[in-house]
PDB file of N, CA and C in Angstrom:
ATOM      1  N   UNK A   1     -21.456  12.612  -1.970  1.00  0.00           N
ATOM      2  CA  UNK A   1     -21.025  11.354  -2.577  1.00  0.00           C
ATOM      3  C   UNK A   1     -19.703  11.575  -3.311  1.00  0.00           C
ATOM      4  N   UNK A   2     -18.928  10.541  -3.331  1.00  0.00           N
ATOM      5  CA  UNK A   2     -17.621  10.612  -3.988  1.00  0.00           C
ATOM      6  C   UNK A   2     -17.752  10.297  -5.467  1.00  0.00           C
ATOM      7  N   UNK A   3     -16.841  10.809  -6.238  1.00  0.00           N
ATOM      8  CA  UNK A   3     -16.799  10.511  -7.667  1.00  0.00           C
ATOM      9  C   UNK A   3     -16.136   9.152  -7.864  1.00  0.00           C
ATOM     10  N   UNK A   4     -16.271   8.548  -9.048  1.00  0.00           N
ATOM     11  CA  UNK A   4     -15.671   7.227  -9.280  1.00  0.00           C
ATOM     12  C   UNK A   4     -14.151   7.187  -9.095  1.00  0.00           C
ATOM     13  N   UNK A   5     -13.486   8.334  -9.235  1.00  0.00           N
ATOM     14  CA  UNK A   5     -12.032   8.346  -9.066  1.00  0.00           C
ATOM     15  C   UNK A   5     -11.624   8.710  -7.638  1.00  0.00           C
ATOM     16  N   UNK A   6     -12.581   8.580  -6.712  1.00  0.00           N
ATOM     17  CA  UNK A   6     -12.301   8.870  -5.313  1.00  0.00           C
ATOM     18  C   UNK A   6     -12.683   7.691  -4.423  1.00  0.00           C
ATOM     19  N   UNK A   7     -12.084   7.668  -3.246  1.00  0.00           N
ATOM     20  CA  UNK A   7     -12.387   6.671  -2.218  1.00  0.00           C
ATOM     21  C   UNK A   7     -13.149   7.389  -1.115  1.00  0.00           C
ATOM     22  N   UNK A   8     -14.274   6.801  -0.667  1.00  0.00           N
ATOM     23  CA  UNK A   8     -15.055   7.419   0.401  1.00  0.00           C
ATOM     24  C   UNK A   8     -14.586   6.910   1.754  1.00  0.00           C
ATOM     25  N   UNK A   9     -14.239   7.815   2.621  1.00  0.00           N
ATOM     26  CA  UNK A   9     -13.829   7.446   3.976  1.00  0.00           C
ATOM     27  C   UNK A   9     -15.008   6.764   4.666  1.00  0.00           C
ATOM     28  N   UNK A  10     -14.731   5.694   5.385  1.00  0.00           N
ATOM     29  CA  UNK A  10     -15.779   4.887   5.996  1.00  0.00           C
ATOM     30  C   UNK A  10     -16.660   5.694   6.953  1.00  0.00           C
ATOM     31  N   UNK A  11     -16.071   6.654   7.662  1.00  0.00           N
ATOM     32  CA  UNK A  11     -16.859   7.432   8.623  1.00  0.00           C
ATOM     33  C   UNK A  11     -17.677   8.544   7.961  1.00  0.00           C
ATOM     34  N   UNK A  12     -17.607   8.624   6.626  1.00  0.00           N
ATOM     35  CA  UNK A  12     -18.379   9.618   5.900  1.00  0.00           C
ATOM     36  C   UNK A  12     -17.820  11.023   5.978  1.00  0.00           C
ATOM     37  N   UNK A  13     -16.598  11.149   6.483  1.00  0.00           N
ATOM     38  CA  UNK A  13     -16.009  12.476   6.673  1.00  0.00           C
ATOM     39  C   UNK A  13     -15.509  13.120   5.384  1.00  0.00           C
ATOM     40  N   UNK A  14     -15.447  12.349   4.319  1.00  0.00           N
ATOM     41  CA  UNK A  14     -14.979  12.937   3.077  1.00  0.00           C
ATOM     42  C   UNK A  14     -14.527  11.905   2.065  1.00  0.00           C
ATOM     43  N   UNK A  15     -13.948  12.405   0.999  1.00  0.00           N
ATOM     44  CA  UNK A  15     -13.449  11.575  -0.087  1.00  0.00           C
ATOM     45  C   UNK A  15     -11.977  11.903  -0.314  1.00  0.00           C
ATOM     46  N   UNK A  16     -11.229  10.897  -0.709  1.00  0.00           N
ATOM     47  CA  UNK A  16      -9.828  11.116  -1.075  1.00  0.00           C
ATOM     48  C   UNK A  16      -9.611  10.532  -2.465  1.00  0.00           C
ATOM     49  N   UNK A  17      -8.651  11.053  -3.168  1.00  0.00           N
ATOM     50  CA  UNK A  17      -8.345  10.553  -4.510  1.00  0.00           C
ATOM     51  C   UNK A  17      -7.956   9.081  -4.439  1.00  0.00           C
ATOM     52  N   UNK A  18      -8.362   8.302  -5.428  1.00  0.00           N
ATOM     53  CA  UNK A  18      -8.021   6.868  -5.462  1.00  0.00           C
ATOM     54  C   UNK A  18      -6.513   6.661  -5.339  1.00  0.00           C
ATOM     55  N   UNK A  19      -5.741   7.593  -5.870  1.00  0.00           N
ATOM     56  CA  UNK A  19      -4.278   7.476  -5.792  1.00  0.00           C
ATOM     57  C   UNK A  19      -3.795   7.516  -4.348  1.00  0.00           C
ATOM     58  N   UNK A  20      -4.603   8.055  -3.445  1.00  0.00           N
ATOM     59  CA  UNK A  20      -4.232   8.134  -2.038  1.00  0.00           C
ATOM     60  C   UNK A  20      -4.666   6.898  -1.256  1.00  0.00           C
ATOM     61  N   UNK A  21      -5.444   6.022  -1.876  1.00  0.00           N
ATOM     62  CA  UNK A  21      -5.880   4.788  -1.223  1.00  0.00           C
ATOM     63  C   UNK A  21      -4.693   3.827  -1.139  1.00  0.00           C
ATOM     64  N   UNK A  22      -4.401   3.373   0.069  1.00  0.00           N
ATOM     65  CA  UNK A  22      -3.301   2.428   0.312  1.00  0.00           C
ATOM     66  C   UNK A  22      -1.955   2.952  -0.183  1.00  0.00           C
ATOM     67  N   UNK A  23      -1.711   4.231   0.017  1.00  0.00           N
ATOM     68  CA  UNK A  23      -0.425   4.798  -0.397  1.00  0.00           C
ATOM     69  C   UNK A  23       0.566   4.890   0.758  1.00  0.00           C
ATOM     70  N   UNK A  24       0.173   4.330   1.920  1.00  0.00           N
ATOM     71  CA  UNK A  24       1.060   4.360   3.075  1.00  0.00           C
ATOM     72  C   UNK A  24       0.903   5.610   3.922  1.00  0.00           C
ATOM     73  N   UNK A  25       0.036   6.505   3.509  1.00  0.00           N
ATOM     74  CA  UNK A  25      -0.218   7.737   4.268  1.00  0.00           C
ATOM     75  C   UNK A  25      -1.705   7.816   4.576  1.00  0.00           C
ATOM     76  N   UNK A  26      -2.017   8.166   5.779  1.00  0.00           N
ATOM     77  CA  UNK A  26      -3.418   8.239   6.191  1.00  0.00           C
ATOM     78  C   UNK A  26      -4.010   9.577   5.775  1.00  0.00           C
ATOM     79  N   UNK A  27      -5.042   9.493   4.949  1.00  0.00           N
ATOM     80  CA  UNK A  27      -5.692  10.703   4.460  1.00  0.00           C
ATOM     81  C   UNK A  27      -7.096  10.872   5.025  1.00  0.00           C
ATOM     82  N   UNK A  28      -7.785   9.775   5.305  1.00  0.00           N
ATOM     83  CA  UNK A  28      -9.101   9.844   5.938  1.00  0.00           C
ATOM     84  C   UNK A  28      -8.922  10.063   7.434  1.00  0.00           C
ATOM     85  N   UNK A  29      -9.836  10.809   8.014  1.00  0.00           N
ATOM     86  CA  UNK A  29      -9.772  11.072   9.449  1.00  0.00           C
ATOM     87  C   UNK A  29      -9.819   9.770  10.256  1.00  0.00           C
ATOM     88  N   UNK A  30     -10.583   8.777   9.754  1.00  0.00           N
ATOM     89  CA  UNK A  30     -10.695   7.493  10.456  1.00  0.00           C
ATOM     90  C   UNK A  30      -9.668   6.466   9.972  1.00  0.00           C
ATOM     91  N   UNK A  31      -8.754   6.885   9.118  1.00  0.00           N
ATOM     92  CA  UNK A  31      -7.669   6.043   8.590  1.00  0.00           C
ATOM     93  C   UNK A  31      -8.152   4.889   7.712  1.00  0.00           C
ATOM     94  N   UNK A  32      -9.416   4.920   7.282  1.00  0.00           N
ATOM     95  CA  UNK A  32      -9.948   3.806   6.501  1.00  0.00           C
ATOM     96  C   UNK A  32      -9.294   3.670   5.131  1.00  0.00           C
ATOM     97  N   UNK A  33      -8.637   4.705   4.642  1.00  0.00           N
ATOM     98  CA  UNK A  33      -7.973   4.612   3.340  1.00  0.00           C
ATOM     99  C   UNK A  33      -6.700   3.773   3.393  1.00  0.00           C
ATOM    100  N   UNK A  34      -6.277   3.378   4.595  1.00  0.00           N
ATOM    101  CA  UNK A  34      -5.076   2.554   4.735  1.00  0.00           C
ATOM    102  C   UNK A  34      -5.382   1.187   5.346  1.00  0.00           C
ATOM    103  N   UNK A  35      -6.653   0.813   5.388  1.00  0.00           N
ATOM    104  CA  UNK A  35      -7.038  -0.486   5.937  1.00  0.00           C
ATOM    105  C   UNK A  35      -7.366  -1.453   4.813  1.00  0.00           C
ATOM    106  N   UNK A  36      -7.147  -2.742   5.080  1.00  0.00           N
ATOM    107  CA  UNK A  36      -7.456  -3.815   4.126  1.00  0.00           C
ATOM    108  C   UNK A  36      -6.778  -3.608   2.778  1.00  0.00           C
ATOM    109  N   UNK A  37      -5.552  -3.160   2.809  1.00  0.00           N
ATOM    110  CA  UNK A  37      -4.802  -2.936   1.572  1.00  0.00           C
ATOM    111  C   UNK A  37      -4.322  -4.269   1.010  1.00  0.00           C
ATOM    112  N   UNK A  38      -4.310  -4.399  -0.300  1.00  0.00           N
ATOM    113  CA  UNK A  38      -3.820  -5.641  -0.901  1.00  0.00           C
ATOM    114  C   UNK A  38      -2.338  -5.842  -0.599  1.00  0.00           C
ATOM    115  N   UNK A  39      -1.903  -7.108  -0.498  1.00  0.00           N
ATOM    116  CA  UNK A  39      -0.500  -7.371  -0.162  1.00  0.00           C
ATOM    117  C   UNK A  39       0.490  -6.837  -1.186  1.00  0.00           C
ATOM    118  N   UNK A  40       0.041  -6.558  -2.386  1.00  0.00           N
ATOM    119  CA  UNK A  40       0.954  -6.057  -3.418  1.00  0.00           C
ATOM    120  C   UNK A  40       1.375  -4.613  -3.167  1.00  0.00           C
ATOM    121  N   UNK A  41       0.654  -3.939  -2.287  1.00  0.00           N
ATOM    122  CA  UNK A  41       1.012  -2.557  -1.987  1.00  0.00           C
ATOM    123  C   UNK A  41       2.290  -2.557  -1.172  1.00  0.00           C
ATOM    124  N   UNK A  42       3.271  -1.838  -1.652  1.00  0.00           N
ATOM    125  CA  UNK A  42       4.549  -1.837  -0.948  1.00  0.00           C
ATOM    126  C   UNK A  42       4.490  -0.935   0.267  1.00  0.00           C
ATOM    127  N   UNK A  43       5.061  -1.396   1.319  1.00  0.00           N
ATOM    128  CA  UNK A  43       5.162  -0.642   2.561  1.00  0.00           C
ATOM    129  C   UNK A  43       6.634  -0.349   2.788  1.00  0.00           C
ATOM    130  N   UNK A  44       6.944   0.690   3.528  1.00  0.00           N
ATOM    131  CA  UNK A  44       8.355   0.981   3.781  1.00  0.00           C
ATOM    132  C   UNK A  44       9.018  -0.158   4.549  1.00  0.00           C
ATOM    133  N   UNK A  45      10.189  -0.538   4.128  1.00  0.00           N
ATOM    134  CA  UNK A  45      10.929  -1.581   4.835  1.00  0.00           C
ATOM    135  C   UNK A  45      11.791  -0.915   5.891  1.00  0.00           C
ATOM    136  N   UNK A  46      11.655  -1.382   7.115  1.00  0.00           N
ATOM    137  CA  UNK A  46      12.433  -0.806   8.204  1.00  0.00           C
ATOM    138  C   UNK A  46      13.730  -1.579   8.370  1.00  0.00           C
ATOM    139  N   UNK A  47      14.754  -0.897   8.772  1.00  0.00           N
ATOM    140  CA  UNK A  47      16.032  -1.546   9.042  1.00  0.00           C
ATOM    141  C   UNK A  47      16.000  -2.135  10.446  1.00  0.00           C
ATOM    142  N   UNK A  48      16.999  -2.917  10.791  1.00  0.00           N
ATOM    143  CA  UNK A  48      17.030  -3.589  12.089  1.00  0.00           C
ATOM    144  C   UNK A  48      17.126  -2.607  13.254  1.00  0.00           C
ATOM    145  N   UNK A  49      17.597  -1.397  13.001  1.00  0.00           N
ATOM    146  CA  UNK A  49      17.691  -0.417  14.086  1.00  0.00           C
ATOM    147  C   UNK A  49      16.514   0.558  14.089  1.00  0.00           C
ATOM    148  N   UNK A  50      15.416   0.162  13.437  1.00  0.00           N
ATOM    149  CA  UNK A  50      14.222   0.991  13.403  1.00  0.00           C
ATOM    150  C   UNK A  50      13.017   0.215  13.923  1.00  0.00           C
ATOM    151  N   UNK A  51      11.994   0.931  14.322  1.00  0.00           N
ATOM    152  CA  UNK A  51      10.725   0.363  14.759  1.00  0.00           C
ATOM    153  C   UNK A  51       9.713   0.625  13.659  1.00  0.00           C
ATOM    154  N   UNK A  52       8.971  -0.418  13.246  1.00  0.00           N
ATOM    155  CA  UNK A  52       7.950  -0.237  12.220  1.00  0.00           C
ATOM    156  C   UNK A  52       6.611   0.049  12.875  1.00  0.00           C
ATOM    157  N   UNK A  53       5.998   1.141  12.492  1.00  0.00           N
ATOM    158  CA  UNK A  53       4.676   1.485  13.016  1.00  0.00           C
ATOM    159  C   UNK A  53       3.707   0.359  12.657  1.00  0.00           C
ATOM    160  N   UNK A  54       2.837  -0.005  13.585  1.00  0.00           N
ATOM    161  CA  UNK A  54       1.943  -1.144  13.389  1.00  0.00           C
ATOM    162  C   UNK A  54       1.047  -0.995  12.172  1.00  0.00           C
ATOM    163  N   UNK A  55       0.690   0.223  11.818  1.00  0.00           N
ATOM    164  CA  UNK A  55      -0.181   0.420  10.667  1.00  0.00           C
ATOM    165  C   UNK A  55       0.585   0.389   9.347  1.00  0.00           C
ATOM    166  N   UNK A  56       1.892   0.173   9.418  1.00  0.00           N
ATOM    167  CA  UNK A  56       2.700   0.089   8.210  1.00  0.00           C
ATOM    168  C   UNK A  56       2.989   1.429   7.567  1.00  0.00           C
ATOM    169  N   UNK A  57       2.689   2.513   8.262  1.00  0.00           N
ATOM    170  CA  UNK A  57       2.844   3.837   7.661  1.00  0.00           C
ATOM    171  C   UNK A  57       4.273   4.348   7.632  1.00  0.00           C
ATOM    172  N   UNK A  58       5.160   3.687   8.356  1.00  0.00           N
ATOM    173  CA  UNK A  58       6.527   4.171   8.333  1.00  0.00           C
ATOM    174  C   UNK A  58       7.407   3.549   9.389  1.00  0.00           C
ATOM    175  N   UNK A  59       8.623   4.043   9.452  1.00  0.00           N
ATOM    176  CA  UNK A  59       9.629   3.557  10.387  1.00  0.00           C
ATOM    177  C   UNK A  59      10.121   4.737  11.215  1.00  0.00           C
ATOM    178  N   UNK A  60      10.458   4.454  12.453  1.00  0.00           N
ATOM    179  CA  UNK A  60      11.041   5.476  13.318  1.00  0.00           C
ATOM    180  C   UNK A  60      12.311   4.904  13.926  1.00  0.00           C
ATOM    181  N   UNK A  61      13.157   5.756  14.434  1.00  0.00           N
ATOM    182  CA  UNK A  61      14.383   5.274  15.073  1.00  0.00           C
ATOM    183  C   UNK A  61      14.038   4.641  16.414  1.00  0.00           C
ATOM    184  N   UNK A  62      14.894   3.767  16.902  1.00  0.00           N
ATOM    185  CA  UNK A  62      14.657   3.120  18.190  1.00  0.00           C
ATOM    186  C   UNK A  62      14.612   4.143  19.319  1.00  0.00           C
ATOM    187  N   UNK A  63      15.331   5.250  19.179  1.00  0.00           N
ATOM    188  CA  UNK A  63      15.297   6.263  20.238  1.00  0.00           C
ATOM    189  C   UNK A  63      13.945   6.968  20.296  1.00  0.00           C
ATOM    190  N   UNK A  64      13.176   6.918  19.216  1.00  0.00           N
ATOM    191  CA  UNK A  64      11.838   7.510  19.213  1.00  0.00           C
ATOM    192  C   UNK A  64      10.803   6.563  19.810  1.00  0.00           C
ATOM    193  N   UNK A  65      11.155   5.282  19.928  1.00  0.00           N
ATOM    194  CA  UNK A  65      10.237   4.280  20.473  1.00  0.00           C
ATOM    195  C   UNK A  65      10.120   4.475  21.984  1.00  0.00           C
ATOM    196  N   UNK A  66       8.897   4.589  22.476  1.00  0.00           N
ATOM    197  CA  UNK A  66       8.627   4.770  23.911  1.00  0.00           C
ATOM    198  C   UNK A  66       9.341   5.991  24.489  1.00  0.00           C
ATOM    199  N   UNK A  67       9.376   7.074  23.723  1.00  0.00           N
ATOM    200  CA  UNK A  67      10.023   8.290  24.227  1.00  0.00           C
ATOM    201  C   UNK A  67       9.021   9.280  24.809  1.00  0.00           C
ATOM    202  N   UNK A  68       7.765   8.859  24.930  1.00  0.00           N
ATOM    203  CA  UNK A  68       6.744   9.724  25.491  1.00  0.00           C
ATOM    204  C   UNK A  68       6.083  10.640  24.478  1.00  0.00           C
ATOM    205  N   UNK A  69       6.507  10.539  23.229  1.00  0.00           N
ATOM    206  CA  UNK A  69       5.963  11.374  22.157  1.00  0.00           C
ATOM    207  C   UNK A  69       5.585  10.460  21.001  1.00  0.00           C
ATOM    208  N   UNK A  70       4.369  10.560  20.512  1.00  0.00           N
ATOM    209  CA  UNK A  70       3.925   9.686  19.432  1.00  0.00           C
ATOM    210  C   UNK A  70       4.533  10.127  18.107  1.00  0.00           C
ATOM    211  N   UNK A  71       5.259   9.222  17.485  1.00  0.00           N
ATOM    212  CA  UNK A  71       5.866   9.493  16.185  1.00  0.00           C
ATOM    213  C   UNK A  71       5.148   8.740  15.072  1.00  0.00           C
ATOM    214  N   UNK A  72       4.466   7.645  15.413  1.00  0.00           N
ATOM    215  CA  UNK A  72       3.664   6.889  14.448  1.00  0.00           C
ATOM    216  C   UNK A  72       2.258   7.479  14.420  1.00  0.00           C
ATOM    217  N   UNK A  73       1.645   7.480  13.251  1.00  0.00           N
ATOM    218  CA  UNK A  73       0.292   8.018  13.137  1.00  0.00           C
ATOM    219  C   UNK A  73      -0.709   7.236  13.975  1.00  0.00           C
ATOM    220  N   UNK A  74      -0.443   5.937  14.176  1.00  0.00           N
ATOM    221  CA  UNK A  74      -1.371   5.110  14.959  1.00  0.00           C
ATOM    222  C   UNK A  74      -0.968   5.014  16.427  1.00  0.00           C
ATOM    223  N   UNK A  75       0.025   5.778  16.838  1.00  0.00           N
ATOM    224  CA  UNK A  75       0.512   5.830  18.225  1.00  0.00           C
ATOM    225  C   UNK A  75       1.138   4.517  18.697  1.00  0.00           C
ATOM    226  N   UNK A  76       1.423   3.598  17.784  1.00  0.00           N
ATOM    227  CA  UNK A  76       1.927   2.281  18.186  1.00  0.00           C
ATOM    228  C   UNK A  76       3.307   2.341  18.823  1.00  0.00           C
ATOM    229  N   UNK A  77       4.057   3.407  18.586  1.00  0.00           N
ATOM    230  CA  UNK A  77       5.382   3.514  19.200  1.00  0.00           C
ATOM    231  C   UNK A  77       5.302   3.867  20.678  1.00  0.00           C
ATOM    232  N   UNK A  78       4.115   4.196  21.167  1.00  0.00           N
ATOM    233  CA  UNK A  78       3.959   4.523  22.584  1.00  0.00           C
ATOM    234  C   UNK A  78       3.057   3.523  23.314  1.00  0.00           C
ATOM    235  N   UNK A  79       2.683   2.432  22.637  1.00  0.00           N
ATOM    236  CA  UNK A  79       1.884   1.385  23.278  1.00  0.00           C
ATOM    237  C   UNK A  79       2.796   0.422  24.018  1.00  0.00           C
ATOM    238  N   UNK A  80       2.306  -0.150  25.088  1.00  0.00           N
ATOM    239  CA  UNK A  80       3.018  -1.192  25.846  1.00  0.00           C
ATOM    240  C   UNK A  80       4.385  -0.730  26.344  1.00  0.00           C
ATOM    241  N   UNK A  81       4.562   0.533  26.547  1.00  0.00           N
ATOM    242  CA  UNK A  81       5.865   1.047  26.961  1.00  0.00           C
ATOM    243  C   UNK A  81       6.200   0.716  28.407  1.00  0.00           C
ATOM    244  N   UNK A  82       5.204   0.444  29.222  1.00  0.00           N
ATOM    245  CA  UNK A  82       5.494   0.082  30.610  1.00  0.00           C
ATOM    246  C   UNK A  82       6.195  -1.267  30.686  1.00  0.00           C
ATOM    247  N   UNK A  83       6.111  -2.052  29.602  1.00  0.00           N
ATOM    248  CA  UNK A  83       6.761  -3.363  29.571  1.00  0.00           C
ATOM    249  C   UNK A  83       8.232  -3.292  29.191  1.00  0.00           C
ATOM    250  N   UNK A  84       8.700  -2.118  28.785  1.00  0.00           N
ATOM    251  CA  UNK A  84      10.094  -2.042  28.335  1.00  0.00           C
ATOM    252  C   UNK A  84      11.048  -2.209  29.514  1.00  0.00           C
ATOM    253  N   UNK A  85      12.263  -2.591  29.221  1.00  0.00           N
ATOM    254  CA  UNK A  85      13.241  -2.885  30.274  1.00  0.00           C
ATOM    255  C   UNK A  85      13.613  -1.627  31.047  1.00  0.00           C
ATOM    256  N   UNK A  86      14.000  -1.826  32.283  1.00  0.00           N
ATOM    257  CA  UNK A  86      14.430  -0.706  33.115  1.00  0.00           C
ATOM    258  C   UNK A  86      15.852  -0.317  32.724  1.00  0.00           C
ATOM    259  N   UNK A  87      16.284   0.814  33.225  1.00  0.00           N
ATOM    260  CA  UNK A  87      17.647   1.266  32.945  1.00  0.00           C
ATOM    261  C   UNK A  87      18.648   0.346  33.639  1.00  0.00           C
ATOM    262  N   UNK A  88      19.814   0.259  33.067  1.00  0.00           N
ATOM    263  CA  UNK A  88      20.881  -0.555  33.653  1.00  0.00           C
ATOM    264  C   UNK A  88      21.507   0.209  34.816  1.00  0.00           C
ATOM    265  N   UNK A  89      22.278  -0.470  35.676  1.00  0.00           N
ATOM    266  CA  UNK A  89      22.884   0.213  36.824  1.00  0.00           C
ATOM    267  C   UNK A  89      23.787   1.391  36.449  1.00  0.00           C
ATOM    268  N   UNK A  90      24.352   1.380  35.245  1.00  0.00           N
ATOM    269  CA  UNK A  90      25.219   2.489  34.846  1.00  0.00           C
ATOM    270  C   UNK A  90      24.452   3.585  34.102  1.00  0.00           C
ATOM    271  N   UNK A  91      23.124   3.564  34.224  1.00  0.00           N
ATOM    272  CA  UNK A  91      22.297   4.570  33.577  1.00  0.00           C
ATOM    273  C   UNK A  91      21.391   5.266  34.593  1.00  0.00           C
ATOM    274  N   UNK A  92      20.955   6.447  34.232  1.00  0.00           N
ATOM    275  CA  UNK A  92      20.006   7.223  35.018  1.00  0.00           C
ATOM    276  C   UNK A  92      18.685   7.216  34.264  1.00  0.00           C
ATOM    277  N   UNK A  93      17.570   6.942  34.973  1.00  0.00           N
ATOM    278  CA  UNK A  93      16.266   6.952  34.315  1.00  0.00           C
ATOM    279  C   UNK A  93      15.638   8.334  34.433  1.00  0.00           C
ATOM    280  N   UNK A  94      15.263   8.897  33.308  1.00  0.00           N
ATOM    281  CA  UNK A  94      14.606  10.201  33.302  1.00  0.00           C
ATOM    282  C   UNK A  94      13.311  10.101  34.103  1.00  0.00           C
ATOM    283  N   UNK A  95      13.019  11.126  34.893  1.00  0.00           N
ATOM    284  CA  UNK A  95      11.855  11.095  35.780  1.00  0.00           C
ATOM    285  C   UNK A  95      10.547  10.869  35.052  1.00  0.00           C
ATOM    286  N   UNK A  96      10.441  11.388  33.824  1.00  0.00           N
ATOM    287  CA  UNK A  96       9.182  11.235  33.091  1.00  0.00           C
ATOM    288  C   UNK A  96       9.060   9.869  32.417  1.00  0.00           C
ATOM    289  N   UNK A  97      10.058   9.001  32.627  1.00  0.00           N
ATOM    290  CA  UNK A  97      10.014   7.654  32.064  1.00  0.00           C
ATOM    291  C   UNK A  97      10.317   7.591  30.588  1.00  0.00           C
ATOM    292  N   UNK A  98      10.796   8.680  30.021  1.00  0.00           N
ATOM    293  CA  UNK A  98      11.027   8.731  28.580  1.00  0.00           C
ATOM    294  C   UNK A  98      12.290   8.013  28.130  1.00  0.00           C
ATOM    295  N   UNK A  99      13.150   7.638  29.056  1.00  0.00           N
ATOM    296  CA  UNK A  99      14.348   6.928  28.637  1.00  0.00           C
ATOM    297  C   UNK A  99      15.422   6.903  29.695  1.00  0.00           C
ATOM    298  N   UNK A 100      16.559   6.392  29.298  1.00  0.00           N
ATOM    299  CA  UNK A 100      17.721   6.264  30.170  1.00  0.00           C
ATOM    300  C   UNK A 100      18.882   7.034  29.549  1.00  0.00           C
ATOM    301  N   UNK A 101      19.698   7.610  30.398  1.00  0.00           N
ATOM    302  CA  UNK A 101      20.917   8.271  29.924  1.00  0.00           C
ATOM    303  C   UNK A 101      22.091   7.720  30.724  1.00  0.00           C
ATOM    304  N   UNK A 102      23.250   7.759  30.135  1.00  0.00           N
ATOM    305  CA  UNK A 102      24.446   7.270  30.829  1.00  0.00           C
ATOM    306  C   UNK A 102      24.675   8.096  32.090  1.00  0.00           C
ATOM    307  N   UNK A 103      25.152   7.452  33.150  1.00  0.00           N
ATOM    308  CA  UNK A 103      25.411   8.161  34.417  1.00  0.00           C
ATOM    309  C   UNK A 103      26.351   9.349  34.190  1.00  0.00           C
ATOM    310  N   UNK A 104      27.271   9.206  33.246  1.00  0.00           N
ATOM    311  CA  UNK A 104      28.215  10.288  32.954  1.00  0.00           C
ATOM    312  C   UNK A 104      27.498  11.527  32.416  1.00  0.00           C
ATOM    313  N   UNK A 105      26.287  11.351  31.898  1.00  0.00           N
ATOM    314  CA  UNK A 105      25.522  12.476  31.365  1.00  0.00           C
ATOM    315  C   UNK A 105      24.667  13.147  32.443  1.00  0.00           C
ATOM    316  N   UNK A 106      24.612  12.556  33.631  1.00  0.00           N
ATOM    317  CA  UNK A 106      23.816  13.107  34.724  1.00  0.00           C
ATOM    318  C   UNK A 106      24.512  14.348  35.284  1.00  0.00           C
ATOM    319  N   UNK A 107      23.795  15.439  35.375  1.00  0.00           N
ATOM    320  CA  UNK A 107      24.327  16.715  35.891  1.00  0.00           C
ATOM    321  C   UNK A 107      25.582  17.186  35.149  1.00  0.00           C
ATOM    322  N   UNK A 108      25.608  16.988  33.842  1.00  0.00           N
ATOM    323  CA  UNK A 108      26.767  17.428  33.061  1.00  0.00           C
ATOM    324  C   UNK A 108      26.537  18.789  32.401  1.00  0.00           C
ATOM    325  N   UNK A 109      25.436  19.447  32.769  1.00  0.00           N
ATOM    326  CA  UNK A 109      25.153  20.760  32.213  1.00  0.00           C
ATOM    327  C   UNK A 109      24.432  20.731  30.880  1.00  0.00           C
ATOM    328  N   UNK A 110      24.142  19.539  30.386  1.00  0.00           N
ATOM    329  CA  UNK A 110      23.444  19.402  29.111  1.00  0.00           C
ATOM    330  C   UNK A 110      22.146  18.646  29.327  1.00  0.00           C
ATOM    331  N   UNK A 111      21.132  19.000  28.583  1.00  0.00           N
ATOM    332  CA  UNK A 111      19.848  18.311  28.691  1.00  0.00           C
ATOM    333  C   UNK A 111      19.879  17.043  27.855  1.00  0.00           C
ATOM    334  N   UNK A 112      19.798  15.905  28.517  1.00  0.00           N
ATOM    335  CA  UNK A 112      19.722  14.628  27.819  1.00  0.00           C
ATOM    336  C   UNK A 112      18.336  14.015  27.986  1.00  0.00           C
ATOM    337  N   UNK A 113      17.708  14.253  29.133  1.00  0.00           N
ATOM    338  CA  UNK A 113      16.331  13.818  29.352  1.00  0.00           C
ATOM    339  C   UNK A 113      15.400  14.907  28.818  1.00  0.00           C
ATOM    340  N   UNK A 114      14.311  14.487  28.228  1.00  0.00           N
ATOM    341  CA  UNK A 114      13.356  15.436  27.684  1.00  0.00           C
ATOM    342  C   UNK A 114      12.813  16.377  28.759  1.00  0.00           C
ATOM    343  N   UNK A 115      12.683  15.859  29.995  1.00  0.00           N
ATOM    344  CA  UNK A 115      12.107  16.661  31.080  1.00  0.00           C
ATOM    345  C   UNK A 115      13.164  17.399  31.908  1.00  0.00           C
ATOM    346  N   UNK A 116      14.412  17.387  31.442  1.00  0.00           N
ATOM    347  CA  UNK A 116      15.531  18.076  32.113  1.00  0.00           C
ATOM    348  C   UNK A 116      15.888  17.464  33.471  1.00  0.00           C
ATOM    349  N   UNK A 117      15.387  16.271  33.780  1.00  0.00           N
ATOM    350  CA  UNK A 117      15.628  15.699  35.109  1.00  0.00           C
ATOM    351  C   UNK A 117      17.070  15.241  35.319  1.00  0.00           C
ATOM    352  N   UNK A 118      17.863  15.206  34.270  1.00  0.00           N
ATOM    353  CA  UNK A 118      19.265  14.809  34.441  1.00  0.00           C
ATOM    354  C   UNK A 118      20.145  16.021  34.700  1.00  0.00           C
TER     355      UNK A 118
END
């Protein structure tokens, strides 16, 4: 059982300090310490060139969005990625689908695609 100054994780996996409840960081294994937070709890404000993780835990750069690697704790930056736009005619699409690089970067001796396909 948790002490009065602790929050009990919903899945029973443990207790976290009350100060960690709704602090924008997931401390419970089931993330229950970041659910149903009051609106007064401040969340990080993302800029227009950033993607906000759906759980409100943070912001990532647009280049991290749909890059094949989860940067958000809730994996929201890798959801619905098949719906993203295709590369433009002046771009090369990396074989692993992680992004597009300028045609000028194709076979330039430098790794621009995560999978080295350029």
